Amino acid sequence: MASEAAKPAIFFLLFVNLVLYLIITIIASWAVNHGIEDSREAGSVLSIPARIFPIYYPFGNMATGHVVIFSLIAGVVGFTTSATGMSNAAQWNASNLYASSASSLITWALTLLAMGFACKEIHIGWSGSTLRALEAVLIIVSGTQLLGMIAIHAGIEEFSRYGGGRV
C-alpha cells in the first residue's frame, strides 16, 4: 500500500532512538548515583552556596550537574516516547500518529535542552570519559530524534493524502 511507505523508516528511527535513550538513561543514572554517593565527603568542604545543592559531582565541571539531571529526564521521556511511538506507528491511524508526533516534539525539546547544557560543558573544559560519551550520545540523539520527528510528520502527510490505506 502506498500509504504505509513511511512505516519502516519510522520504526527504524524509533528503534535507534529507543536504544540511544536507554544508553543516555544508563549513563546519567550512573552519574547521579556516583554523585550522591560522593556528596557527603566531597561536598562538606564547599562553601555555603555550593553546599545547598544536594548532589555534588566530584568529576566534570560546573555544568555537569545540569547535564546529568536534564539528560536523565530526557532519557526517560525519550525512551518512553520511542516505545509508545513504535506502538502508535504499528496501529497506523491518524490519532495515533498525531499523538506520536506531539510526544516526539516534546522529547526533542527536552533533548535539545540537555544537549545545550552538554555543549556548554564541552565549552567550559575538562570532563571524564563517561561524561564525554554522554555528551556525544546526546548530540547524536538530538539529530536522530529530529529525523524521527520528520519521518512521523511525513507519515501523517502520507496518511492524510492517501486516506489511511485501510478499508
N, C-alpha and C. Protein backbone atom coordinates (compact mmCIF):
# COMPACT_ATOMS: atom_id res chain seq x y z
N MET A 1 0.83 -1.18 0.00
CA MET A 1 0.00 0.00 0.00
C MET A 1 0.87 1.24 0.00
N ALA A 2 0.45 2.21 -0.71
CA ALA A 2 1.25 3.43 -0.84
C ALA A 2 1.25 4.23 0.45
N SER A 3 0.20 4.10 1.25
CA SER A 3 0.11 4.95 2.44
C SER A 3 0.98 4.44 3.59
N GLU A 4 1.59 3.29 3.47
CA GLU A 4 2.43 2.77 4.53
C GLU A 4 3.90 2.77 4.15
N ALA A 5 4.29 3.61 3.21
CA ALA A 5 5.68 3.64 2.76
C ALA A 5 6.61 4.22 3.82
N ALA A 6 6.14 5.11 4.67
CA ALA A 6 6.98 5.72 5.70
C ALA A 6 7.11 4.86 6.94
N LYS A 7 6.33 3.80 7.04
CA LYS A 7 6.31 2.97 8.23
C LYS A 7 7.67 2.35 8.58
N PRO A 8 8.40 1.75 7.64
CA PRO A 8 9.71 1.18 8.00
C PRO A 8 10.71 2.22 8.48
N ALA A 9 10.71 3.39 7.88
CA ALA A 9 11.62 4.44 8.32
C ALA A 9 11.29 4.90 9.73
N ILE A 10 10.01 5.03 10.03
CA ILE A 10 9.59 5.44 11.36
C ILE A 10 10.00 4.40 12.39
N PHE A 11 9.75 3.12 12.09
CA PHE A 11 10.13 2.07 13.02
C PHE A 11 11.63 2.03 13.25
N PHE A 12 12.42 2.16 12.18
CA PHE A 12 13.87 2.12 12.32
C PHE A 12 14.37 3.28 13.18
N LEU A 13 13.91 4.49 12.90
CA LEU A 13 14.37 5.65 13.67
C LEU A 13 13.90 5.59 15.12
N LEU A 14 12.69 5.11 15.34
CA LEU A 14 12.22 4.99 16.72
C LEU A 14 12.99 3.92 17.49
N PHE A 15 13.38 2.84 16.81
CA PHE A 15 14.18 1.81 17.47
C PHE A 15 15.58 2.33 17.79
N VAL A 16 16.20 3.05 16.86
CA VAL A 16 17.51 3.65 17.12
C VAL A 16 17.41 4.62 18.30
N ASN A 17 16.37 5.44 18.32
CA ASN A 17 16.18 6.37 19.43
C ASN A 17 15.95 5.64 20.75
N LEU A 18 15.23 4.53 20.70
CA LEU A 18 14.98 3.74 21.90
C LEU A 18 16.30 3.27 22.51
N VAL A 19 17.19 2.76 21.67
CA VAL A 19 18.49 2.29 22.15
C VAL A 19 19.34 3.46 22.66
N LEU A 20 19.37 4.56 21.92
CA LEU A 20 20.18 5.71 22.34
C LEU A 20 19.67 6.32 23.64
N TYR A 21 18.36 6.43 23.78
CA TYR A 21 17.82 6.98 25.03
C TYR A 21 18.05 6.02 26.20
N LEU A 22 18.09 4.71 25.94
CA LEU A 22 18.42 3.76 27.00
C LEU A 22 19.86 3.96 27.45
N ILE A 23 20.77 4.18 26.50
CA ILE A 23 22.17 4.44 26.84
C ILE A 23 22.29 5.73 27.64
N ILE A 24 21.58 6.77 27.23
CA ILE A 24 21.61 8.04 27.97
C ILE A 24 21.10 7.85 29.39
N THR A 25 20.01 7.11 29.54
CA THR A 25 19.44 6.89 30.88
C THR A 25 20.41 6.12 31.76
N ILE A 26 21.08 5.13 31.21
CA ILE A 26 22.03 4.33 31.99
C ILE A 26 23.21 5.18 32.44
N ILE A 27 23.79 5.95 31.52
CA ILE A 27 24.96 6.77 31.88
C ILE A 27 24.58 7.87 32.87
N ALA A 28 23.45 8.54 32.63
CA ALA A 28 23.02 9.60 33.54
C ALA A 28 22.65 9.04 34.91
N SER A 29 22.05 7.87 34.96
CA SER A 29 21.73 7.24 36.25
C SER A 29 23.00 6.89 37.01
N TRP A 30 24.00 6.39 36.29
CA TRP A 30 25.28 6.10 36.93
C TRP A 30 25.89 7.38 37.52
N ALA A 31 25.84 8.46 36.75
CA ALA A 31 26.42 9.72 37.20
C ALA A 31 25.69 10.27 38.43
N VAL A 32 24.36 10.18 38.44
CA VAL A 32 23.60 10.63 39.61
C VAL A 32 23.94 9.77 40.82
N ASN A 33 24.00 8.46 40.64
CA ASN A 33 24.35 7.57 41.74
C ASN A 33 25.74 7.86 42.27
N HIS A 34 26.69 8.05 41.35
CA HIS A 34 28.07 8.36 41.75
C HIS A 34 28.12 9.70 42.49
N GLY A 35 27.37 10.68 42.01
CA GLY A 35 27.34 11.97 42.67
C GLY A 35 26.72 11.91 44.05
N ILE A 36 25.66 11.13 44.21
CA ILE A 36 25.01 11.01 45.53
C ILE A 36 25.92 10.30 46.52
N GLU A 37 26.61 9.25 46.07
CA GLU A 37 27.49 8.51 46.96
C GLU A 37 28.67 9.35 47.43
N ASP A 38 29.18 10.23 46.57
CA ASP A 38 30.35 11.03 46.93
C ASP A 38 30.00 12.41 47.46
N SER A 39 28.72 12.73 47.60
CA SER A 39 28.33 14.08 48.01
C SER A 39 28.69 14.39 49.46
N ARG A 40 28.54 13.45 50.35
CA ARG A 40 28.76 13.73 51.77
C ARG A 40 30.21 14.13 52.04
N GLU A 41 31.17 13.36 51.50
CA GLU A 41 32.57 13.66 51.77
C GLU A 41 33.05 14.87 50.97
N ALA A 42 32.78 14.88 49.68
CA ALA A 42 33.32 15.92 48.80
C ALA A 42 32.60 17.25 48.98
N GLY A 43 31.32 17.21 49.24
CA GLY A 43 30.54 18.44 49.36
C GLY A 43 30.67 19.12 50.71
N SER A 44 31.19 18.43 51.71
CA SER A 44 31.27 19.03 53.05
C SER A 44 32.31 20.13 53.14
N VAL A 45 33.28 20.15 52.23
CA VAL A 45 34.32 21.18 52.28
C VAL A 45 33.96 22.41 51.45
N LEU A 46 32.82 22.39 50.79
CA LEU A 46 32.41 23.51 49.96
C LEU A 46 31.84 24.64 50.79
N SER A 47 31.83 25.83 50.22
CA SER A 47 31.23 26.97 50.90
C SER A 47 29.70 26.86 50.82
N ILE A 48 29.00 27.73 51.52
CA ILE A 48 27.55 27.65 51.68
C ILE A 48 26.77 27.63 50.36
N PRO A 49 26.99 28.51 49.38
CA PRO A 49 26.13 28.43 48.19
C PRO A 49 26.25 27.11 47.45
N ALA A 50 27.43 26.52 47.40
CA ALA A 50 27.61 25.27 46.68
C ALA A 50 27.09 24.09 47.48
N ARG A 51 27.01 24.21 48.79
CA ARG A 51 26.54 23.13 49.63
C ARG A 51 25.02 23.00 49.62
N ILE A 52 24.31 23.99 49.11
CA ILE A 52 22.85 23.96 49.10
C ILE A 52 22.33 22.88 48.16
N PHE A 53 22.96 22.72 47.00
CA PHE A 53 22.52 21.70 46.06
C PHE A 53 22.86 20.33 46.63
N PRO A 54 21.91 19.42 46.72
CA PRO A 54 22.15 18.16 47.44
C PRO A 54 23.10 17.18 46.76
N ILE A 55 23.34 17.33 45.46
CA ILE A 55 24.23 16.40 44.77
C ILE A 55 25.45 17.17 44.29
N TYR A 56 26.61 16.73 44.71
CA TYR A 56 27.86 17.33 44.27
C TYR A 56 28.57 16.33 43.37
N TYR A 57 29.00 16.77 42.22
CA TYR A 57 29.68 15.89 41.27
C TYR A 57 31.18 16.15 41.34
N PRO A 58 31.95 15.20 41.88
CA PRO A 58 33.38 15.41 42.00
C PRO A 58 34.12 15.26 40.67
N PHE A 59 33.43 14.92 39.63
CA PHE A 59 34.01 14.80 38.29
C PHE A 59 33.35 15.84 37.40
N GLY A 60 34.00 16.17 36.32
CA GLY A 60 33.44 17.13 35.39
C GLY A 60 33.70 18.56 35.82
N ASN A 61 32.81 19.46 35.42
CA ASN A 61 32.96 20.88 35.75
C ASN A 61 31.64 21.40 36.30
N MET A 62 31.48 22.72 36.32
CA MET A 62 30.29 23.30 36.95
C MET A 62 29.00 23.05 36.18
N ALA A 63 29.07 22.66 34.94
CA ALA A 63 27.86 22.37 34.16
C ALA A 63 27.44 20.91 34.27
N THR A 64 28.23 20.08 34.92
CA THR A 64 27.95 18.65 34.97
C THR A 64 26.62 18.33 35.62
N GLY A 65 26.29 18.99 36.70
CA GLY A 65 25.02 18.72 37.38
C GLY A 65 23.82 18.95 36.49
N HIS A 66 23.85 20.04 35.74
CA HIS A 66 22.74 20.33 34.83
C HIS A 66 22.67 19.32 33.69
N VAL A 67 23.82 18.96 33.14
CA VAL A 67 23.85 17.99 32.05
C VAL A 67 23.28 16.65 32.51
N VAL A 68 23.72 16.21 33.67
CA VAL A 68 23.30 14.90 34.16
C VAL A 68 21.80 14.87 34.47
N ILE A 69 21.30 15.87 35.15
CA ILE A 69 19.88 15.88 35.53
C ILE A 69 18.99 15.98 34.29
N PHE A 70 19.31 16.91 33.39
CA PHE A 70 18.47 17.05 32.19
C PHE A 70 18.64 15.87 31.24
N SER A 71 19.80 15.24 31.23
CA SER A 71 19.99 14.04 30.42
C SER A 71 19.14 12.88 30.95
N LEU A 72 19.08 12.79 32.27
CA LEU A 72 18.26 11.73 32.87
C LEU A 72 16.78 11.94 32.54
N ILE A 73 16.32 13.18 32.64
CA ILE A 73 14.93 13.48 32.30
C ILE A 73 14.67 13.21 30.82
N ALA A 74 15.55 13.71 29.95
CA ALA A 74 15.38 13.50 28.51
C ALA A 74 15.48 12.02 28.16
N GLY A 75 16.34 11.28 28.83
CA GLY A 75 16.48 9.86 28.55
C GLY A 75 15.24 9.06 28.90
N VAL A 76 14.68 9.33 30.07
CA VAL A 76 13.46 8.60 30.48
C VAL A 76 12.28 8.96 29.59
N VAL A 77 12.10 10.26 29.33
CA VAL A 77 11.00 10.69 28.47
C VAL A 77 11.20 10.18 27.04
N GLY A 78 12.43 10.23 26.55
CA GLY A 78 12.71 9.76 25.19
C GLY A 78 12.52 8.26 25.03
N PHE A 79 12.95 7.50 26.03
CA PHE A 79 12.74 6.04 25.96
C PHE A 79 11.25 5.72 25.93
N THR A 80 10.49 6.38 26.79
CA THR A 80 9.04 6.14 26.83
C THR A 80 8.38 6.58 25.54
N THR A 81 8.78 7.72 25.02
CA THR A 81 8.21 8.22 23.77
C THR A 81 8.52 7.30 22.60
N SER A 82 9.74 6.78 22.55
CA SER A 82 10.11 5.88 21.47
C SER A 82 9.33 4.57 21.55
N ALA A 83 9.18 4.04 22.76
CA ALA A 83 8.43 2.79 22.92
C ALA A 83 6.96 2.97 22.55
N THR A 84 6.34 4.03 23.04
CA THR A 84 4.94 4.25 22.69
C THR A 84 4.78 4.68 21.24
N GLY A 85 5.79 5.37 20.71
CA GLY A 85 5.75 5.77 19.30
C GLY A 85 5.77 4.56 18.37
N MET A 86 6.52 3.54 18.75
CA MET A 86 6.53 2.31 17.94
C MET A 86 5.16 1.65 17.98
N SER A 87 4.53 1.66 19.14
CA SER A 87 3.18 1.11 19.25
C SER A 87 2.18 1.93 18.44
N ASN A 88 2.31 3.25 18.51
CA ASN A 88 1.41 4.12 17.75
C ASN A 88 1.61 3.95 16.24
N ALA A 89 2.84 3.83 15.82
CA ALA A 89 3.11 3.65 14.38
C ALA A 89 2.62 2.29 13.89
N ALA A 90 2.63 1.30 14.77
CA ALA A 90 2.14 -0.02 14.37
C ALA A 90 0.64 0.01 14.11
N GLN A 91 -0.09 0.82 14.85
CA GLN A 91 -1.54 0.91 14.64
C GLN A 91 -1.88 1.72 13.41
N TRP A 92 -1.03 2.68 13.06
CA TRP A 92 -1.10 3.43 11.81
C TRP A 92 -2.47 4.03 11.53
N ASN A 93 -2.94 4.85 12.45
CA ASN A 93 -4.12 5.66 12.18
C ASN A 93 -3.82 7.10 12.58
N ALA A 94 -4.68 8.01 12.18
CA ALA A 94 -4.38 9.43 12.32
C ALA A 94 -4.19 9.84 13.78
N SER A 95 -5.05 9.40 14.66
CA SER A 95 -4.95 9.85 16.06
C SER A 95 -3.66 9.34 16.71
N ASN A 96 -3.25 8.12 16.42
CA ASN A 96 -2.01 7.61 17.00
C ASN A 96 -0.79 8.29 16.41
N LEU A 97 -0.82 8.60 15.12
CA LEU A 97 0.30 9.31 14.52
C LEU A 97 0.42 10.73 15.06
N TYR A 98 -0.71 11.39 15.29
CA TYR A 98 -0.67 12.72 15.87
C TYR A 98 -0.16 12.68 17.31
N ALA A 99 -0.55 11.67 18.08
CA ALA A 99 -0.04 11.53 19.45
C ALA A 99 1.46 11.28 19.44
N SER A 100 1.92 10.44 18.53
CA SER A 100 3.34 10.17 18.42
C SER A 100 4.11 11.42 18.00
N SER A 101 3.51 12.21 17.13
CA SER A 101 4.14 13.45 16.69
C SER A 101 4.28 14.45 17.83
N ALA A 102 3.24 14.61 18.63
CA ALA A 102 3.29 15.56 19.74
C ALA A 102 4.30 15.13 20.80
N SER A 103 4.30 13.84 21.13
CA SER A 103 5.25 13.39 22.14
C SER A 103 6.68 13.44 21.64
N SER A 104 6.90 13.21 20.35
CA SER A 104 8.26 13.31 19.83
C SER A 104 8.75 14.76 19.81
N LEU A 105 7.85 15.71 19.62
CA LEU A 105 8.23 17.12 19.68
C LEU A 105 8.66 17.51 21.10
N ILE A 106 7.92 17.06 22.10
CA ILE A 106 8.27 17.34 23.49
C ILE A 106 9.62 16.70 23.84
N THR A 107 9.81 15.46 23.40
CA THR A 107 11.07 14.78 23.66
C THR A 107 12.24 15.49 22.99
N TRP A 108 12.03 15.95 21.77
CA TRP A 108 13.09 16.65 21.06
C TRP A 108 13.46 17.94 21.79
N ALA A 109 12.46 18.65 22.32
CA ALA A 109 12.74 19.87 23.06
C ALA A 109 13.56 19.58 24.32
N LEU A 110 13.21 18.54 25.06
CA LEU A 110 13.98 18.16 26.24
C LEU A 110 15.39 17.73 25.87
N THR A 111 15.51 17.01 24.76
CA THR A 111 16.83 16.56 24.31
C THR A 111 17.69 17.75 23.90
N LEU A 112 17.10 18.74 23.24
CA LEU A 112 17.85 19.93 22.87
C LEU A 112 18.31 20.71 24.10
N LEU A 113 17.48 20.73 25.13
CA LEU A 113 17.87 21.39 26.37
C LEU A 113 19.07 20.69 27.00
N ALA A 114 19.01 19.36 27.08
CA ALA A 114 20.14 18.61 27.63
C ALA A 114 21.37 18.74 26.75
N MET A 115 21.18 18.76 25.43
CA MET A 115 22.30 18.91 24.52
C MET A 115 22.93 20.29 24.65
N GLY A 116 22.12 21.31 24.89
CA GLY A 116 22.65 22.65 25.10
C GLY A 116 23.55 22.71 26.32
N PHE A 117 23.13 22.08 27.42
CA PHE A 117 23.98 22.02 28.60
C PHE A 117 25.23 21.19 28.34
N ALA A 118 25.11 20.13 27.54
CA ALA A 118 26.28 19.33 27.19
C ALA A 118 27.27 20.14 26.36
N CYS A 119 26.77 20.95 25.45
CA CYS A 119 27.66 21.81 24.66
C CYS A 119 28.34 22.84 25.55
N LYS A 120 27.62 23.34 26.55
CA LYS A 120 28.23 24.28 27.50
C LYS A 120 29.31 23.58 28.31
N GLU A 121 29.06 22.34 28.70
CA GLU A 121 30.06 21.58 29.45
C GLU A 121 31.30 21.33 28.58
N ILE A 122 31.11 21.05 27.31
CA ILE A 122 32.23 20.87 26.40
C ILE A 122 33.01 22.18 26.28
N HIS A 123 32.30 23.28 26.21
CA HIS A 123 32.93 24.60 26.06
C HIS A 123 33.73 24.99 27.31
N ILE A 124 33.22 24.65 28.49
CA ILE A 124 33.92 25.01 29.73
C ILE A 124 35.24 24.25 29.83
N GLY A 125 35.23 22.98 29.50
CA GLY A 125 36.50 22.27 29.56
C GLY A 125 36.39 20.86 30.05
N TRP A 126 37.34 20.46 30.84
CA TRP A 126 37.61 19.08 31.19
C TRP A 126 36.38 18.33 31.69
N SER A 127 36.22 17.10 31.19
CA SER A 127 35.24 16.16 31.73
C SER A 127 35.75 14.75 31.49
N GLY A 128 35.27 13.82 32.28
CA GLY A 128 35.73 12.44 32.19
C GLY A 128 35.22 11.74 30.95
N SER A 129 35.72 10.52 30.72
CA SER A 129 35.36 9.79 29.51
C SER A 129 33.88 9.39 29.51
N THR A 130 33.32 9.10 30.66
CA THR A 130 31.90 8.74 30.72
C THR A 130 31.03 9.93 30.36
N LEU A 131 31.41 11.10 30.85
CA LEU A 131 30.64 12.30 30.51
C LEU A 131 30.80 12.66 29.04
N ARG A 132 31.98 12.42 28.48
CA ARG A 132 32.16 12.68 27.05
C ARG A 132 31.28 11.75 26.22
N ALA A 133 31.14 10.50 26.67
CA ALA A 133 30.25 9.57 25.97
C ALA A 133 28.81 10.05 26.06
N LEU A 134 28.40 10.53 27.24
CA LEU A 134 27.05 11.06 27.41
C LEU A 134 26.83 12.26 26.50
N GLU A 135 27.81 13.16 26.43
CA GLU A 135 27.70 14.33 25.56
C GLU A 135 27.57 13.92 24.10
N ALA A 136 28.38 12.96 23.68
CA ALA A 136 28.34 12.51 22.28
C ALA A 136 27.00 11.86 21.93
N VAL A 137 26.51 11.02 22.83
CA VAL A 137 25.23 10.37 22.57
C VAL A 137 24.10 11.39 22.56
N LEU A 138 24.17 12.40 23.42
CA LEU A 138 23.15 13.46 23.41
C LEU A 138 23.14 14.21 22.09
N ILE A 139 24.30 14.51 21.57
CA ILE A 139 24.38 15.22 20.29
C ILE A 139 23.84 14.35 19.16
N ILE A 140 24.18 13.07 19.17
CA ILE A 140 23.70 12.15 18.13
C ILE A 140 22.19 11.98 18.22
N VAL A 141 21.66 11.78 19.43
CA VAL A 141 20.23 11.51 19.58
C VAL A 141 19.39 12.74 19.27
N SER A 142 19.95 13.92 19.43
CA SER A 142 19.17 15.11 19.05
C SER A 142 18.94 15.14 17.54
N GLY A 143 19.92 14.68 16.78
CA GLY A 143 19.74 14.59 15.32
C GLY A 143 18.81 13.47 14.91
N THR A 144 18.96 12.30 15.53
CA THR A 144 18.08 11.18 15.15
C THR A 144 16.64 11.43 15.60
N GLN A 145 16.47 12.14 16.72
CA GLN A 145 15.10 12.49 17.15
C GLN A 145 14.46 13.44 16.16
N LEU A 146 15.25 14.39 15.63
CA LEU A 146 14.73 15.30 14.61
C LEU A 146 14.35 14.52 13.35
N LEU A 147 15.19 13.57 12.93
CA LEU A 147 14.85 12.76 11.75
C LEU A 147 13.61 11.92 11.99
N GLY A 148 13.49 11.37 13.21
CA GLY A 148 12.29 10.59 13.53
C GLY A 148 11.04 11.44 13.52
N MET A 149 11.16 12.66 14.03
CA MET A 149 10.03 13.58 14.01
C MET A 149 9.62 13.92 12.58
N ILE A 150 10.60 14.15 11.72
CA ILE A 150 10.32 14.43 10.31
C ILE A 150 9.65 13.22 9.65
N ALA A 151 10.12 12.01 9.98
CA ALA A 151 9.53 10.80 9.40
C ALA A 151 8.08 10.61 9.86
N ILE A 152 7.81 10.92 11.13
CA ILE A 152 6.43 10.81 11.63
C ILE A 152 5.54 11.82 10.94
N HIS A 153 6.04 13.04 10.76
CA HIS A 153 5.25 14.05 10.04
C HIS A 153 5.04 13.66 8.58
N ALA A 154 6.03 13.03 7.98
CA ALA A 154 5.85 12.53 6.61
C ALA A 154 4.81 11.42 6.58
N GLY A 155 4.80 10.59 7.60
CA GLY A 155 3.77 9.54 7.68
C GLY A 155 2.38 10.12 7.85
N ILE A 156 2.27 11.19 8.63
CA ILE A 156 0.97 11.84 8.79
C ILE A 156 0.52 12.43 7.47
N GLU A 157 1.45 13.09 6.78
CA GLU A 157 1.13 13.69 5.48
C GLU A 157 0.70 12.61 4.48
N GLU A 158 1.44 11.52 4.48
CA GLU A 158 1.12 10.42 3.57
C GLU A 158 -0.21 9.78 3.94
N PHE A 159 -0.45 9.64 5.24
CA PHE A 159 -1.71 9.05 5.70
C PHE A 159 -2.89 9.91 5.27
N SER A 160 -2.76 11.22 5.42
CA SER A 160 -3.87 12.10 5.06
C SER A 160 -4.04 12.19 3.54
N ARG A 161 -2.96 12.05 2.79
CA ARG A 161 -3.05 12.14 1.34
C ARG A 161 -3.74 10.91 0.75
N TYR A 162 -3.40 9.74 1.27
CA TYR A 162 -3.95 8.51 0.70
C TYR A 162 -5.13 7.95 1.48
N GLY A 163 -5.57 8.64 2.49
CA GLY A 163 -6.76 8.22 3.22
C GLY A 163 -6.54 7.07 4.16
N GLY A 164 -5.32 6.80 4.52
CA GLY A 164 -5.08 5.77 5.52
C GLY A 164 -4.75 4.42 4.95
N GLY A 165 -5.16 4.10 3.76
CA GLY A 165 -4.82 2.84 3.15
C GLY A 165 -5.59 1.64 3.66
N ARG A 166 -6.37 1.81 4.70
CA ARG A 166 -7.15 0.70 5.23
C ARG A 166 -8.62 0.93 4.94
N VAL A 167 -9.32 -0.13 4.75
CA VAL A 167 -10.75 -0.05 4.48
C VAL A 167 -11.52 -0.50 5.68
